[in-house]
C-alpha atoms as a PDB file:
ATOM      1  CA  MET A   1       0.353   0.138  -0.031  1.00  0.00           C
ATOM      2  CA  ILE A   2       1.207   3.251  -0.715  1.00  0.00           C
ATOM      3  CA  PRO A   3       2.416   5.203   2.566  1.00  0.00           C
ATOM      4  CA  GLY A   4      -0.248   8.035   3.782  1.00  0.00           C
ATOM      5  CA  ALA A   5      -3.122   6.664   1.730  1.00  0.00           C
ATOM      6  CA  VAL A   6      -6.272   5.396   3.248  1.00  0.00           C
ATOM      7  CA  ALA A   7      -7.493   2.383   2.540  1.00  0.00           C
ATOM      8  CA  CYS A   8     -10.694   0.661   2.981  1.00  0.00           C
ATOM      9  CA  ALA A   9     -11.741  -2.929   2.315  1.00  0.00           C
ATOM     10  CA  GLY A  10      -8.160  -3.387   0.537  1.00  0.00           C
ATOM     11  CA  THR A  11      -8.718  -0.273  -1.719  1.00  0.00           C
ATOM     12  CA  LEU A  12      -7.054   2.898  -2.301  1.00  0.00           C
ATOM     13  CA  LEU A  13      -9.229   5.985  -1.569  1.00  0.00           C
ATOM     14  CA  GLY A  14      -7.010   8.475  -1.785  1.00  0.00           C
ATOM     15  CA  MET A  15      -3.474   9.904  -0.529  1.00  0.00           C
ATOM     16  CA  PRO A  16      -2.783  13.614   0.372  1.00  0.00           C
ATOM     17  CA  LYS A  17      -0.495  15.892  -1.302  1.00  0.00           C
ATOM     18  CA  PRO A  18       2.998  15.467  -0.227  1.00  0.00           C
ATOM     19  CA  THR A  19       3.756  18.033   2.841  1.00  0.00           C
ATOM     20  CA  ARG A  20       6.370  19.447   0.979  1.00  0.00           C
ATOM     21  CA  PHE A  21       4.746  20.372  -2.373  1.00  0.00           C
ATOM     22  CA  GLU A  22       1.021  21.216  -0.930  1.00  0.00           C
ATOM     23  CA  GLU A  23       1.293  24.752  -2.232  1.00  0.00           C
ATOM     24  CA  HIS A  24       2.042  23.315  -5.727  1.00  0.00           C
ATOM     25  CA  LYS A  25      -0.002  21.720  -8.264  1.00  0.00           C
ATOM     26  CA  TYR A  26       2.311  20.425 -10.709  1.00  0.00           C
ATOM     27  CA  LEU A  27       5.486  17.877  -9.505  1.00  0.00           C
ATOM     28  CA  GLY A  28       7.898  16.518 -12.140  1.00  0.00           C
ATOM     29  CA  ASP A  29       9.885  13.439 -12.100  1.00  0.00           C
ATOM     30  CA  LYS A  30      13.466  14.163 -13.130  1.00  0.00           C
ATOM     31  CA  ARG A  31      13.739  10.288 -14.044  1.00  0.00           C
ATOM     32  CA  THR A  32      11.376  10.296 -16.685  1.00  0.00           C
ATOM     33  CA  GLN A  33      10.815  14.044 -17.393  1.00  0.00           C
ATOM     34  CA  ARG A  34       7.019  13.418 -16.702  1.00  0.00           C
ATOM     35  CA  VAL A  35       4.769  15.978 -15.059  1.00  0.00           C
ATOM     36  CA  TYR A  36       1.872  15.166 -12.734  1.00  0.00           C
ATOM     37  CA  ASP A  37      -1.186  17.119 -11.486  1.00  0.00           C
ATOM     38  CA  LEU A  38      -1.154  16.920  -7.473  1.00  0.00           C
ATOM     39  CA  ASP A  39      -4.577  17.846  -7.678  1.00  0.00           C
ATOM     40  CA  LEU A  40      -5.394  14.339  -8.941  1.00  0.00           C
ATOM     41  CA  VAL A  41      -3.189  12.478  -6.306  1.00  0.00           C
ATOM     42  CA  ASP A  42      -6.266  11.909  -4.111  1.00  0.00           C
ATOM     43  CA  SER A  43      -8.614  10.826  -7.133  1.00  0.00           C
ATOM     44  CA  ASP A  44      -6.289   8.655  -9.226  1.00  0.00           C
ATOM     45  CA  ASP A  45      -4.421   5.955  -8.307  1.00  0.00           C
ATOM     46  CA  ARG A  46      -2.101   6.244 -11.150  1.00  0.00           C
ATOM     47  CA  VAL A  47      -0.931   9.722  -9.997  1.00  0.00           C
ATOM     48  CA  ALA A  48      -0.906   8.616  -6.411  1.00  0.00           C
ATOM     49  CA  ALA A  49       1.714   5.598  -7.230  1.00  0.00           C
ATOM     50  CA  ALA A  50       3.830   7.663  -9.218  1.00  0.00           C
ATOM     51  CA  VAL A  51       3.913  10.688  -6.662  1.00  0.00           C
ATOM     52  CA  ASP A  52       4.831   8.062  -4.118  1.00  0.00           C
ATOM     53  CA  ALA A  53       7.492   6.738  -6.342  1.00  0.00           C
ATOM     54  CA  ILE A  54       8.529  10.312  -7.029  1.00  0.00           C
ATOM     55  CA  MET A  55       8.691  10.807  -3.300  1.00  0.00           C
ATOM     56  CA  ALA A  56      10.818   7.401  -2.484  1.00  0.00           C
ATOM     57  CA  ALA A  57      13.218   8.144  -5.133  1.00  0.00           C
ATOM     58  CA  GLU A  58      13.641  11.947  -4.323  1.00  0.00           C
ATOM     59  CA  SER A  59      13.745  12.822  -8.168  1.00  0.00           C
ATOM     60  CA  PHE A  60      11.317  15.116  -7.601  1.00  0.00           C
ATOM     61  CA  ALA A  61      10.905  18.926  -9.587  1.00  0.00           C
ATOM     62  CA  ALA A  62       8.787  21.782  -8.697  1.00  0.00           C
ATOM     63  CA  PHE A  63       7.889  24.759 -11.409  1.00  0.00           C
ATOM     64  CA  ALA A  64       7.670  28.581 -11.096  1.00  0.00           C
ATOM     65  CA  PRO A  65       5.247  29.632 -12.526  1.00  0.00           C
ATOM     66  CA  ASP A  66       3.495  26.468 -11.440  1.00  0.00           C
ATOM     67  CA  THR A  67       1.536  26.051 -14.511  1.00  0.00           C
ATOM     68  CA  LEU A  68       1.536  22.835 -17.075  1.00  0.00           C
ATOM     69  CA  ALA A  69       3.029  25.295 -19.829  1.00  0.00           C
ATOM     70  CA  GLU A  70       6.251  26.383 -17.651  1.00  0.00           C
ATOM     71  CA  ALA A  71       6.918  22.349 -17.247  1.00  0.00           C
ATOM     72  CA  ARG A  72       6.805  21.835 -20.826  1.00  0.00           C
ATOM     73  CA  ASN A  73       9.193  24.664 -21.379  1.00  0.00           C
ATOM     74  CA  ARG A  74      11.441  23.076 -19.192  1.00  0.00           C
ATOM     75  CA  GLY A  75      11.031  19.570 -21.144  1.00  0.00           C
ATOM     76  CA  TYR A  76       8.598  17.670 -19.073  1.00  0.00           C
ATOM     77  CA  ARG A  77       5.607  16.010 -20.469  1.00  0.00           C
ATOM     78  CA  PRO A  78       2.339  15.406 -18.817  1.00  0.00           C
ATOM     79  CA  GLY A  79       1.866  12.067 -17.382  1.00  0.00           C
ATOM     80  CA  ARG A  80      -1.421  10.335 -18.708  1.00  0.00           C
ATOM     81  CA  ALA A  81      -3.984  10.997 -16.195  1.00  0.00           C
ATOM     82  CA  THR A  82      -2.734  14.551 -16.333  1.00  0.00           C
ATOM     83  CA  ARG A  83      -3.031  14.812 -20.110  1.00  0.00           C
ATOM     84  CA  GLU A  84      -6.753  13.310 -19.592  1.00  0.00           C
ATOM     85  CA  ALA A  85      -7.423  15.604 -16.802  1.00  0.00           C
ATOM     86  CA  ALA A  86      -6.317  18.867 -19.152  1.00  0.00           C
ATOM     87  CA  ALA A  87      -8.154  17.587 -22.204  1.00  0.00           C
ATOM     88  CA  GLU A  88     -11.527  17.504 -19.730  1.00  0.00           C
END
């Protein structure tokens, strides 16, 4: 189970934003050059798992300004769940 996640009957219900990034919307993974929308961390298991792996590996990047456009300017591509959320 993902540390910090809330479980009920063996399923993940959500995970809070990482404490260091509570004020940020986007978190990048330096290893894969992917960026994830932290607002989805409590509702999408893919994002929660990716953020957990990023935090465990300490390979995170934040952006200023905290926008998807700035992440793209720095060479990061949105993860699938982030792309799907941005398309809605």
